[in-house]
N, C-alpha and C. Protein backbone atom coordinates (compact mmCIF):
# COMPACT_ATOMS: atom_id res chain seq x y z
N GLN A 1 105.42 187.00 31.73
CA GLN A 1 106.27 186.16 32.00
C GLN A 1 107.86 186.48 31.84
N HIS A 2 108.47 185.56 32.33
CA HIS A 2 110.12 185.89 31.96
C HIS A 2 110.35 185.02 30.81
N GLN A 3 111.31 185.30 30.36
CA GLN A 3 111.75 185.08 29.09
C GLN A 3 113.11 183.99 29.89
N VAL A 4 113.06 182.66 29.76
CA VAL A 4 113.63 181.96 30.12
C VAL A 4 114.73 180.95 28.71
N GLY A 5 114.19 181.30 27.73
CA GLY A 5 115.02 180.29 26.53
C GLY A 5 116.12 180.38 26.43
N TRP A 6 116.79 181.50 27.03
CA TRP A 6 118.25 181.43 26.88
C TRP A 6 118.80 180.66 27.43
N ALA A 7 118.54 180.20 28.59
CA ALA A 7 118.68 178.91 30.06
C ALA A 7 118.84 177.87 29.16
N ALA A 8 117.80 177.22 28.71
CA ALA A 8 117.52 175.87 28.20
C ALA A 8 118.24 175.00 27.40
N LYS A 9 118.62 175.85 26.50
CA LYS A 9 119.85 175.21 24.85
C LYS A 9 121.09 174.77 26.07
N PRO A 10 121.56 175.84 26.88
CA PRO A 10 122.67 175.28 26.98
C PRO A 10 122.76 174.24 28.40
N LEU A 11 121.68 174.24 29.34
CA LEU A 11 121.26 173.33 30.40
C LEU A 11 121.00 171.99 29.56
N ASN A 12 120.89 171.53 28.21
CA ASN A 12 120.02 170.52 27.62
C ASN A 12 118.70 170.81 28.30
N LEU A 13 118.34 171.59 28.64
CA LEU A 13 116.61 171.32 29.17
C LEU A 13 115.40 171.74 27.88
N THR A 14 114.22 171.17 28.06
CA THR A 14 113.33 170.88 27.39
C THR A 14 112.07 171.78 27.42
N ASP A 15 111.28 172.00 26.92
CA ASP A 15 109.77 172.60 26.38
C ASP A 15 109.64 172.07 28.18
N LYS A 16 109.13 171.33 28.44
CA LYS A 16 108.78 170.72 29.77
C LYS A 16 109.17 171.26 30.99
N ASP A 17 110.53 171.65 31.23
CA ASP A 17 111.17 172.96 32.44
C ASP A 17 111.05 174.50 32.43
N ALA A 18 110.15 174.50 31.00
CA ALA A 18 110.37 176.05 31.35
C ALA A 18 109.23 176.40 32.16
N PRO A 19 108.15 175.93 32.41
CA PRO A 19 107.09 176.19 33.63
C PRO A 19 108.10 176.45 34.84
N ALA A 20 108.91 175.73 35.35
CA ALA A 20 109.35 175.70 36.44
C ALA A 20 110.45 176.55 36.57
N MET A 21 111.14 176.78 35.73
CA MET A 21 112.37 178.06 35.23
C MET A 21 111.42 179.31 35.75
N GLU A 22 110.15 179.92 34.96
CA GLU A 22 109.50 180.84 34.84
C GLU A 22 109.10 181.00 36.09
N TRP A 23 108.65 180.38 36.74
CA TRP A 23 108.37 180.58 38.17
C TRP A 23 109.36 180.41 39.33
N LEU A 24 110.47 180.29 39.10
CA LEU A 24 111.64 180.17 40.13
C LEU A 24 112.76 181.88 39.13
N ALA A 25 112.20 182.18 38.42
CA ALA A 25 112.91 183.38 37.92
C ALA A 25 113.22 184.43 38.52
N ALA A 26 114.37 185.51 38.74
CA ALA A 26 114.53 186.23 39.47
C ALA A 26 113.48 187.18 39.43
N GLY A 27 113.14 188.02 40.37
CA GLY A 27 111.87 189.03 40.25
C GLY A 27 110.53 188.40 40.34
N THR A 28 110.50 187.26 40.17
CA THR A 28 108.64 186.68 40.38
C THR A 28 108.11 186.66 41.59
N GLU A 29 106.92 186.95 41.12
CA GLU A 29 106.15 187.00 42.92
C GLU A 29 106.25 186.00 43.17
N ASN A 30 106.26 184.78 42.73
CA ASN A 30 106.62 183.32 43.08
C ASN A 30 107.74 183.00 44.30
N LEU A 31 108.77 183.61 43.64
CA LEU A 31 110.30 183.70 44.25
C LEU A 31 110.36 184.07 45.16
N ARG A 32 109.77 185.45 45.51
CA ARG A 32 109.49 186.69 46.11
C ARG A 32 108.61 185.87 47.73
N GLU A 33 107.81 185.21 47.18
CA GLU A 33 106.84 184.80 48.33
C GLU A 33 107.78 183.39 48.89
N LEU A 34 108.42 182.45 48.35
CA LEU A 34 108.96 181.41 48.56
C LEU A 34 110.14 182.02 49.35
N ASN A 35 110.89 182.81 48.78
CA ASN A 35 111.82 183.45 49.80
C ASN A 35 111.55 184.05 51.19
N GLU A 36 110.12 184.58 51.48
CA GLU A 36 109.70 184.92 52.48
C GLU A 36 109.58 184.20 53.37
N ASN A 37 109.16 182.74 52.81
CA ASN A 37 109.09 181.63 53.95
C ASN A 37 110.08 181.04 54.40
N TRP A 38 111.75 181.95 54.22
CA TRP A 38 112.55 180.98 54.43
C TRP A 38 112.68 180.90 56.04
N PRO A 39 112.00 181.87 56.84
CA PRO A 39 112.32 181.57 58.62
C PRO A 39 111.69 180.64 58.98
N ALA A 40 110.30 179.95 58.43
CA ALA A 40 109.79 179.35 58.69
C ALA A 40 109.99 177.90 58.01
N GLN A 41 110.56 177.87 57.36
CA GLN A 41 111.17 176.82 56.59
C GLN A 41 112.47 176.35 57.47
N ARG A 42 113.14 177.20 57.57
CA ARG A 42 114.43 176.83 58.78
C ARG A 42 114.63 176.61 59.93
N ALA A 43 113.42 177.19 60.53
CA ALA A 43 112.73 176.88 61.77
C ALA A 43 112.66 174.72 61.94
N ARG A 44 112.07 174.43 60.78
CA ARG A 44 111.88 173.27 60.88
C ARG A 44 112.86 171.75 60.69
N VAL A 45 114.15 172.85 60.49
CA VAL A 45 115.20 171.93 60.29
C VAL A 45 116.24 172.15 60.94
N GLU A 46 117.38 171.14 61.31
CA GLU A 46 118.38 171.76 62.45
C GLU A 46 119.37 172.21 62.02
N ASP A 47 119.63 172.06 60.29
CA ASP A 47 120.72 172.79 60.01
C ASP A 47 120.10 173.17 58.70
N SER A 48 121.27 174.03 57.98
CA SER A 48 121.27 174.54 56.74
C SER A 48 122.36 174.43 56.13
N LEU A 49 122.87 174.54 54.83
CA LEU A 49 124.11 175.18 54.01
C LEU A 49 123.55 175.21 52.52
N PHE A 50 124.07 176.55 52.41
CA PHE A 50 124.20 176.49 51.02
C PHE A 50 125.08 176.83 50.31
N LEU A 51 125.09 176.08 49.35
CA LEU A 51 126.39 175.61 48.34
C LEU A 51 126.47 176.51 46.87
N VAL A 52 127.13 177.61 46.84
CA VAL A 52 127.38 178.31 45.87
C VAL A 52 128.44 178.39 44.56
N SER A 53 128.40 178.90 43.44
CA SER A 53 129.33 179.19 42.61
C SER A 53 129.90 180.09 41.84
N ASP A 54 130.75 180.78 42.31
CA ASP A 54 131.25 182.08 41.34
C ASP A 54 131.94 181.82 39.85
N HIS A 55 131.61 180.45 39.83
CA HIS A 55 132.91 180.61 38.72
C HIS A 55 132.39 180.96 37.23
N GLN A 56 131.20 181.19 36.85
CA GLN A 56 130.84 181.43 35.50
C GLN A 56 130.30 182.80 35.39
N LEU A 57 130.15 183.21 34.61
CA LEU A 57 129.71 185.23 34.29
C LEU A 57 128.35 184.05 34.09
N THR A 58 127.52 185.02 34.78
CA THR A 58 125.81 185.03 34.50
C THR A 58 125.13 185.94 34.33
N PRO A 59 124.40 185.91 33.47
CA PRO A 59 122.98 187.17 32.93
C PRO A 59 122.69 187.80 34.45
N SER A 60 122.70 189.12 34.71
CA SER A 60 122.01 189.46 35.74
C SER A 60 121.09 190.30 35.50
N THR A 61 120.35 190.32 36.92
CA THR A 61 118.69 191.30 37.29
C THR A 61 119.61 192.55 37.26
N SER A 62 120.87 192.80 37.09
CA SER A 62 121.21 194.62 37.74
C SER A 62 121.28 195.14 36.77
N TRP A 63 121.89 196.38 36.64
CA TRP A 63 121.92 197.54 35.59
C TRP A 63 123.51 196.34 34.67
N LEU A 64 124.52 195.73 35.45
CA LEU A 64 125.33 195.22 35.04
C LEU A 64 124.47 193.85 34.15
N PRO A 65 125.15 193.86 32.46
CA PRO A 65 124.66 192.65 32.21
C PRO A 65 125.20 191.40 32.55
N MET A 66 126.26 191.10 33.02
CA MET A 66 126.91 189.99 33.92
C MET A 66 127.33 190.26 35.18
N ALA A 67 126.92 188.75 35.85
CA ALA A 67 127.94 188.98 37.40
C ALA A 67 128.22 187.63 37.59
N ALA A 68 128.82 187.53 38.87
CA ALA A 68 129.58 186.11 38.74
C ALA A 68 128.49 184.93 39.63
N GLY A 69 128.49 183.87 39.23
CA GLY A 69 126.89 182.96 39.44
C GLY A 69 127.70 181.70 38.64
N ASP A 70 127.20 180.89 38.73
CA ASP A 70 126.91 179.29 37.96
C ASP A 70 126.83 179.36 36.68
N GLY A 71 126.29 180.19 35.94
CA GLY A 71 126.15 180.41 34.97
C GLY A 71 124.50 180.77 34.06
N LEU A 72 123.55 180.39 35.71
CA LEU A 72 122.40 180.46 35.63
C LEU A 72 121.80 181.24 36.76
N VAL A 73 122.63 180.81 38.01
CA VAL A 73 121.87 181.76 39.15
C VAL A 73 123.12 182.47 40.02
N GLU A 74 122.75 184.23 39.65
CA GLU A 74 123.90 184.79 40.52
C GLU A 74 124.39 184.37 41.79
N VAL A 75 125.44 184.45 42.41
CA VAL A 75 125.79 184.32 43.69
C VAL A 75 125.04 184.95 44.51
N THR A 76 124.43 186.33 44.54
CA THR A 76 123.77 187.30 45.14
C THR A 76 122.09 186.42 45.10
N HIS A 77 121.95 185.68 44.67
CA HIS A 77 120.59 185.27 44.23
C HIS A 77 120.27 183.76 44.97
N ALA A 78 121.70 183.14 45.29
CA ALA A 78 122.06 181.87 45.59
C ALA A 78 121.32 181.24 46.93
N THR A 79 121.40 182.42 47.88
CA THR A 79 121.28 182.24 49.24
C THR A 79 120.28 183.20 49.54
N LEU A 80 120.04 183.39 50.95
CA LEU A 80 118.96 183.77 51.71
C LEU A 80 119.92 184.23 52.55
N PRO A 81 119.12 185.88 53.05
CA PRO A 81 119.70 186.09 54.17
C PRO A 81 119.55 185.54 55.78
N GLY A 82 120.99 185.65 56.32
CA GLY A 82 121.38 185.01 57.40
C GLY A 82 121.64 183.33 57.10
N ALA A 83 121.94 182.78 56.29
CA ALA A 83 122.01 181.98 55.81
C ALA A 83 123.43 181.35 55.36
N PRO A 84 123.67 179.82 56.17
CA PRO A 84 125.16 180.08 56.20
C PRO A 84 125.53 179.28 54.46
N THR A 85 126.36 180.05 53.96
CA THR A 85 126.64 179.85 52.78
C THR A 85 128.03 179.69 52.62
N ARG A 86 128.52 178.53 51.36
CA ARG A 86 130.03 178.64 50.92
C ARG A 86 129.94 178.47 49.51
N VAL A 87 130.84 179.34 49.01
CA VAL A 87 131.26 180.00 47.84
C VAL A 87 132.15 178.83 47.38
N LEU A 88 131.87 177.95 45.82
CA LEU A 88 133.14 177.40 45.71
C LEU A 88 133.44 177.83 44.74
N LYS A 89 134.71 177.78 44.45
CA LYS A 89 135.75 178.09 43.65
C LYS A 89 136.50 177.01 43.03
N ASP A 90 137.21 177.84 41.85
CA ASP A 90 138.53 176.84 41.68
C ASP A 90 138.07 175.51 40.97
N SER A 91 136.94 175.24 39.92
CA SER A 91 137.03 173.96 39.73
C SER A 91 136.27 173.60 38.32
N PRO A 92 136.38 173.35 37.42
CA PRO A 92 135.61 173.58 36.12
C PRO A 92 134.52 172.99 35.92
N PHE A 93 134.13 172.42 37.10
CA PHE A 93 132.33 171.91 37.17
C PHE A 93 131.70 172.44 37.97
N LEU A 94 132.43 174.11 38.56
CA LEU A 94 131.34 174.89 38.70
C LEU A 94 129.95 175.17 38.22
N ASN A 95 129.57 175.11 37.75
CA ASN A 95 128.43 175.47 36.69
C ASN A 95 126.91 175.04 37.03
N HIS A 96 126.18 175.52 36.91
CA HIS A 96 124.55 175.47 37.07
C HIS A 96 124.52 173.58 36.81
N GLU A 97 124.92 172.74 35.88
CA GLU A 97 124.52 171.72 34.95
C GLU A 97 125.57 170.94 35.94
N THR A 98 126.74 170.88 36.15
CA THR A 98 127.69 170.18 36.84
C THR A 98 127.90 169.76 38.16
N LEU A 99 127.36 171.20 38.80
CA LEU A 99 127.58 171.33 40.36
C LEU A 99 127.33 170.38 40.75
N PRO A 100 126.17 169.60 41.16
CA PRO A 100 125.88 168.32 41.93
C PRO A 100 127.24 167.41 41.79
N SER A 101 127.50 167.06 40.82
CA SER A 101 128.68 166.35 40.58
C SER A 101 130.09 166.94 40.70
N ASP A 102 130.35 167.94 41.31
CA ASP A 102 131.87 168.13 41.58
C ASP A 102 132.18 167.58 42.97
N SER A 103 133.83 167.50 42.94
CA SER A 103 134.20 167.25 43.86
C SER A 103 134.10 167.82 45.29
N LYS A 104 133.97 169.39 45.11
CA LYS A 104 134.25 170.33 45.81
C LYS A 104 132.78 170.04 46.26
N MET A 105 132.39 170.20 45.55
CA MET A 105 130.30 169.70 46.04
C MET A 105 130.21 168.74 46.99
N TYR A 106 130.63 167.68 46.53
CA TYR A 106 130.65 166.38 47.31
C TYR A 106 131.61 166.63 48.67
N ARG A 107 132.17 166.99 48.58
CA ARG A 107 132.82 166.92 49.98
C ARG A 107 132.45 167.98 50.88
N GLU A 108 131.75 168.87 50.35
CA GLU A 108 130.98 169.92 51.38
C GLU A 108 130.10 169.16 51.97
N MET A 109 129.20 168.69 50.95
CA MET A 109 127.83 167.89 51.54
C MET A 109 128.60 166.37 52.85
N ALA A 110 129.34 165.92 52.12
CA ALA A 110 130.19 164.64 53.28
C ALA A 110 130.53 165.36 54.30
N ASP A 111 130.98 166.52 54.34
CA ASP A 111 131.27 167.46 55.76
C ASP A 111 130.02 167.90 56.40
N PHE A 112 129.25 168.19 55.82
CA PHE A 112 128.07 168.63 56.41
C PHE A 112 127.38 167.65 56.81
N PHE A 113 127.04 166.76 56.76
CA PHE A 113 126.15 165.37 56.87
C PHE A 113 126.66 164.59 57.76
N GLY A 114 128.44 164.92 57.51
CA GLY A 114 128.92 163.96 58.59
C GLY A 114 129.38 162.48 58.21
N TRP A 115 129.28 162.53 56.64
CA TRP A 115 129.19 161.33 55.79
C TRP A 115 130.69 160.71 56.15
N GLN A 116 131.18 159.54 56.36
CA GLN A 116 132.44 159.14 56.57
C GLN A 116 132.90 157.97 56.02
N PHE A 117 134.14 158.23 55.29
CA PHE A 117 134.78 157.33 53.66
C PHE A 117 135.69 155.96 54.46
């Protein structure tokens, strides 16, 4: 079992969230199998785009203790091989908790989906 408690408090997560976080922890068999299914998943959609952040130091799974990421997920773990990816930068809200509310994230989504304003 992976220790994920360090991530729960700053993200205002509860004990109910722990099973999902443990299931998706870097290096788990579950996550490896999910990522191996990417080609089949990708084949069922017209297009995809991974939006990630390198705004915060993030606990690392490599030999270095910290890496670029969103405070919870390293940039190198936030996308899949061959997947179109944009790394969002220079905004105070580009951390894991507030990333969905960031204006840069919203702008990228609007462009990707063709939303008109």
